[in-house]
Amino acid sequence: MGTCHCTRCRKLGANVMVFIHRDSLTWRQGRDNIALYQPEAPYKYARCFCKTCGTSLGEILSNEDSFPISAQTLDTDLDIRNRFHEFVSEKPLWYEICDTAEQFEGHPEMS
């Protein structure tokens, strides 16, 4: 789990993300109800959202082996905690980071 503070993620309302492996995702229904927004440069990450309610879903249609989905979309509590904050240089002044997770000016180099 990580929190992105870039202006784009904040505006999408999807800045707390859980990274999942594509092999662990099982579609039961609703895949055809997801829309994909492909941004213009300099942004490169496509974002998905529900066509019915507009909920931001992160990159749930990604073809990558691992990708972020919006933590707010999960109905059950997670047994994990925030691991990092990225793009803290774009964080608004009114927001205070109140955990001890590692902070990065841009994308972290995760292993």
C-alpha atoms as a PDB file:
ATOM      1  CA  MET A   1       0.000   0.000   0.000  1.00  0.00           C
ATOM      2  CA  GLY A   2       1.252   3.436  -0.859  1.00  0.00           C
ATOM      3  CA  THR A   3      -0.011   7.002  -1.035  1.00  0.00           C
ATOM      4  CA  CYS A   4       0.607   9.191  -4.051  1.00  0.00           C
ATOM      5  CA  HIS A   5       0.509  12.936  -3.475  1.00  0.00           C
ATOM      6  CA  CYS A   6       0.819  13.993  -7.122  1.00  0.00           C
ATOM      7  CA  THR A   7      -1.800  16.447  -8.331  1.00  0.00           C
ATOM      8  CA  ARG A   8      -3.291  13.932 -10.764  1.00  0.00           C
ATOM      9  CA  CYS A   9      -3.891  11.160  -8.202  1.00  0.00           C
ATOM     10  CA  ARG A  10      -5.294  13.631  -5.686  1.00  0.00           C
ATOM     11  CA  LYS A  11      -7.781  14.982  -8.230  1.00  0.00           C
ATOM     12  CA  LEU A  12      -8.871  11.460  -9.145  1.00  0.00           C
ATOM     13  CA  GLY A  13      -9.621  10.695  -5.515  1.00  0.00           C
ATOM     14  CA  ALA A  14      -7.487   7.578  -5.747  1.00  0.00           C
ATOM     15  CA  ASN A  15      -4.247   8.445  -4.075  1.00  0.00           C
ATOM     16  CA  VAL A  16      -4.135   5.513  -1.597  1.00  0.00           C
ATOM     17  CA  MET A  17      -3.261   2.463  -3.654  1.00  0.00           C
ATOM     18  CA  VAL A  18      -2.843  -1.227  -3.037  1.00  0.00           C
ATOM     19  CA  PHE A  19      -0.517  -3.033  -5.405  1.00  0.00           C
ATOM     20  CA  ILE A  20      -1.730  -6.421  -6.572  1.00  0.00           C
ATOM     21  CA  HIS A  21      -0.394  -9.152  -8.841  1.00  0.00           C
ATOM     22  CA  ARG A  22      -2.454  -9.707 -11.978  1.00  0.00           C
ATOM     23  CA  ASP A  23      -2.558 -13.464 -11.263  1.00  0.00           C
ATOM     24  CA  SER A  24      -4.296 -12.821  -7.935  1.00  0.00           C
ATOM     25  CA  LEU A  25      -7.179 -10.888  -9.510  1.00  0.00           C
ATOM     26  CA  THR A  26     -10.270 -12.928 -10.357  1.00  0.00           C
ATOM     27  CA  TRP A  27     -13.066 -11.205 -12.237  1.00  0.00           C
ATOM     28  CA  ARG A  28     -16.492 -12.410 -11.141  1.00  0.00           C
ATOM     29  CA  GLN A  29     -18.567  -9.742 -12.847  1.00  0.00           C
ATOM     30  CA  GLY A  30     -18.513  -6.117 -13.913  1.00  0.00           C
ATOM     31  CA  ARG A  31     -15.374  -6.053 -16.060  1.00  0.00           C
ATOM     32  CA  ASP A  32     -17.413  -4.784 -19.012  1.00  0.00           C
ATOM     33  CA  ASN A  33     -18.595  -1.881 -16.852  1.00  0.00           C
ATOM     34  CA  ILE A  34     -15.112  -0.396 -16.462  1.00  0.00           C
ATOM     35  CA  ALA A  35     -14.005   2.542 -18.576  1.00  0.00           C
ATOM     36  CA  LEU A  36     -10.390   3.410 -19.321  1.00  0.00           C
ATOM     37  CA  TYR A  37      -9.067   6.954 -19.429  1.00  0.00           C
ATOM     38  CA  GLN A  38      -5.808   7.332 -21.365  1.00  0.00           C
ATOM     39  CA  PRO A  39      -4.140  10.643 -20.448  1.00  0.00           C
ATOM     40  CA  GLU A  40      -2.121  12.895 -22.694  1.00  0.00           C
ATOM     41  CA  ALA A  41       1.611  13.387 -22.173  1.00  0.00           C
ATOM     42  CA  PRO A  42       3.403  13.941 -19.870  1.00  0.00           C
ATOM     43  CA  TYR A  43       1.169  11.500 -17.968  1.00  0.00           C
ATOM     44  CA  LYS A  44       1.550   7.859 -18.953  1.00  0.00           C
ATOM     45  CA  TYR A  45      -0.608   5.790 -16.592  1.00  0.00           C
ATOM     46  CA  ALA A  46      -4.119   5.006 -17.798  1.00  0.00           C
ATOM     47  CA  ARG A  47      -6.803   5.153 -15.121  1.00  0.00           C
ATOM     48  CA  CYS A  48      -9.938   3.064 -14.822  1.00  0.00           C
ATOM     49  CA  PHE A  49     -13.304   3.986 -13.392  1.00  0.00           C
ATOM     50  CA  CYS A  50     -16.768   2.478 -13.011  1.00  0.00           C
ATOM     51  CA  LYS A  51     -19.174   3.560 -15.787  1.00  0.00           C
ATOM     52  CA  THR A  52     -22.114   3.382 -13.354  1.00  0.00           C
ATOM     53  CA  CYS A  53     -20.957   5.275 -10.269  1.00  0.00           C
ATOM     54  CA  GLY A  54     -17.692   6.905 -11.372  1.00  0.00           C
ATOM     55  CA  THR A  55     -15.583   5.235  -8.679  1.00  0.00           C
ATOM     56  CA  SER A  56     -11.883   5.543  -9.451  1.00  0.00           C
ATOM     57  CA  LEU A  57     -10.357   2.061  -9.698  1.00  0.00           C
ATOM     58  CA  GLY A  58      -6.693   2.775 -10.337  1.00  0.00           C
ATOM     59  CA  GLU A  59      -5.096   0.656 -13.057  1.00  0.00           C
ATOM     60  CA  ILE A  60      -7.254  -2.462 -12.675  1.00  0.00           C
ATOM     61  CA  LEU A  61      -7.215  -3.209 -16.442  1.00  0.00           C
ATOM     62  CA  SER A  62      -3.420  -3.061 -16.627  1.00  0.00           C
ATOM     63  CA  ASN A  63      -1.516  -5.759 -18.511  1.00  0.00           C
ATOM     64  CA  GLU A  64       1.458  -5.402 -16.171  1.00  0.00           C
ATOM     65  CA  ASP A  65       2.308  -8.217 -13.747  1.00  0.00           C
ATOM     66  CA  SER A  66       1.680  -5.885 -10.798  1.00  0.00           C
ATOM     67  CA  PHE A  67      -0.405  -2.722 -10.714  1.00  0.00           C
ATOM     68  CA  PRO A  68      -2.159  -0.352  -8.289  1.00  0.00           C
ATOM     69  CA  ILE A  69      -5.846  -0.347  -7.518  1.00  0.00           C
ATOM     70  CA  SER A  70      -7.602   2.213  -5.391  1.00  0.00           C
ATOM     71  CA  ALA A  71      -7.672   1.069  -1.750  1.00  0.00           C
ATOM     72  CA  GLN A  72     -10.966   2.907  -1.227  1.00  0.00           C
ATOM     73  CA  THR A  73     -12.729   0.445  -3.570  1.00  0.00           C
ATOM     74  CA  LEU A  74     -12.178  -2.554  -1.287  1.00  0.00           C
ATOM     75  CA  ASP A  75     -15.124  -3.556   0.887  1.00  0.00           C
ATOM     76  CA  THR A  76     -13.110  -5.434   3.494  1.00  0.00           C
ATOM     77  CA  ASP A  77     -10.520  -4.135   5.922  1.00  0.00           C
ATOM     78  CA  LEU A  78      -6.909  -4.711   4.946  1.00  0.00           C
ATOM     79  CA  ASP A  79      -4.304  -6.251   7.202  1.00  0.00           C
ATOM     80  CA  ILE A  80      -1.598  -4.003   5.739  1.00  0.00           C
ATOM     81  CA  ARG A  81      -0.461  -0.462   6.393  1.00  0.00           C
ATOM     82  CA  ASN A  82       0.872   2.350   4.268  1.00  0.00           C
ATOM     83  CA  ARG A  83       4.417   1.526   3.140  1.00  0.00           C
ATOM     84  CA  PHE A  84       5.400   4.742   1.361  1.00  0.00           C
ATOM     85  CA  HIS A  85       4.416   8.220   0.226  1.00  0.00           C
ATOM     86  CA  GLU A  86       5.419   9.279  -3.285  1.00  0.00           C
ATOM     87  CA  PHE A  87       5.525  12.707  -4.906  1.00  0.00           C
ATOM     88  CA  VAL A  88       5.635  14.397  -1.520  1.00  0.00           C
ATOM     89  CA  SER A  89       7.053  17.434  -3.341  1.00  0.00           C
ATOM     90  CA  GLU A  90       3.547  17.931  -4.824  1.00  0.00           C
ATOM     91  CA  LYS A  91       1.720  17.425  -1.521  1.00  0.00           C
ATOM     92  CA  PRO A  92      -0.498  20.397  -0.610  1.00  0.00           C
ATOM     93  CA  LEU A  93       0.665  22.476   2.335  1.00  0.00           C
ATOM     94  CA  TRP A  94      -2.570  21.798   4.244  1.00  0.00           C
ATOM     95  CA  TYR A  95      -1.980  18.027   4.270  1.00  0.00           C
ATOM     96  CA  GLU A  96       0.214  16.615   7.019  1.00  0.00           C
ATOM     97  CA  ILE A  97       1.694  13.125   6.680  1.00  0.00           C
ATOM     98  CA  CYS A  98       1.023  11.483  10.028  1.00  0.00           C
ATOM     99  CA  ASP A  99       2.659   8.076   9.701  1.00  0.00           C
ATOM    100  CA  THR A 100       6.247   6.856   9.620  1.00  0.00           C
ATOM    101  CA  ALA A 101       6.115   5.381   6.095  1.00  0.00           C
ATOM    102  CA  GLU A 102       9.078   6.214   3.883  1.00  0.00           C
ATOM    103  CA  GLN A 103       8.716   9.386   1.795  1.00  0.00           C
ATOM    104  CA  PHE A 104       9.917   9.951  -1.774  1.00  0.00           C
ATOM    105  CA  GLU A 105      10.066  13.102  -3.927  1.00  0.00           C
ATOM    106  CA  GLY A 106       8.964  11.033  -6.982  1.00  0.00           C
ATOM    107  CA  HIS A 107       8.355   7.345  -7.683  1.00  0.00           C
ATOM    108  CA  PRO A 108      10.092   5.030  -5.199  1.00  0.00           C
ATOM    109  CA  GLU A 109      12.370   2.303  -6.472  1.00  0.00           C
ATOM    110  CA  MET A 110      10.612  -0.736  -5.004  1.00  0.00           C
ATOM    111  CA  SER A 111      12.084  -4.190  -5.038  1.00  0.00           C
END
